[in-house]
Amino acid sequence: MNRKKKMNNILKKKVKKANSKLHTSNKPKYVSKADRAKLAEED
């Protein structure tokens, strides 16, 4: 039983990772407050 459970967990993890890579979000990458201040100074 334990061996089966272990294999299933490993396979489930692989499937989850593959699915998460397919469904990437369109959210803009996080820019820290300090970096935003630097960018504002340059402009």
Protein backbone atom coordinates (compact mmCIF):
# COMPACT_ATOMS: atom_id res chain seq x y z
CA MET A 1 0.00 0.00 0.00
CA ASN A 2 2.72 2.45 0.98
CA ARG A 3 4.67 1.88 -2.23
CA LYS A 4 1.55 2.47 -4.34
CA LYS A 5 0.72 5.64 -2.44
CA LYS A 6 4.26 6.94 -2.86
CA MET A 7 4.22 6.35 -6.63
CA ASN A 8 0.81 7.98 -6.99
CA ASN A 9 1.98 11.03 -5.07
CA ILE A 10 5.06 11.37 -7.28
CA LEU A 11 2.98 11.08 -10.45
CA LYS A 12 0.39 13.54 -9.16
CA LYS A 13 3.14 16.06 -8.38
CA LYS A 14 4.51 15.72 -11.92
CA VAL A 15 1.07 16.30 -13.42
CA LYS A 16 0.49 19.32 -11.17
CA LYS A 17 3.81 20.88 -12.18
CA ALA A 18 3.13 20.31 -15.88
CA ASN A 19 -0.32 21.88 -15.58
CA SER A 20 0.97 24.88 -13.68
CA LYS A 21 3.53 25.53 -16.42
CA LEU A 22 0.79 25.46 -19.05
CA HIS A 23 -1.40 27.96 -17.20
CA THR A 24 0.91 30.88 -16.54
CA SER A 25 -0.71 34.09 -15.35
CA ASN A 26 -0.61 37.39 -17.19
CA LYS A 27 0.19 39.19 -13.97
CA PRO A 28 3.09 41.66 -14.34
CA LYS A 29 6.28 40.67 -12.55
CA TYR A 30 6.70 42.20 -9.08
CA VAL A 31 8.95 45.26 -8.91
CA SER A 32 10.16 46.27 -5.46
CA LYS A 33 9.51 49.72 -4.04
CA ALA A 34 13.21 50.64 -4.23
CA ASP A 35 13.42 49.59 -7.89
CA ARG A 36 10.29 51.60 -8.69
CA ALA A 37 11.89 54.66 -7.08
CA LYS A 38 15.06 54.17 -9.15
CA LEU A 39 13.02 53.88 -12.36
CA ALA A 40 11.07 57.02 -11.48
CA GLU A 41 14.34 58.93 -10.90
CA GLU A 42 15.73 57.87 -14.27
CA ASP A 43 12.63 59.10 -16.12
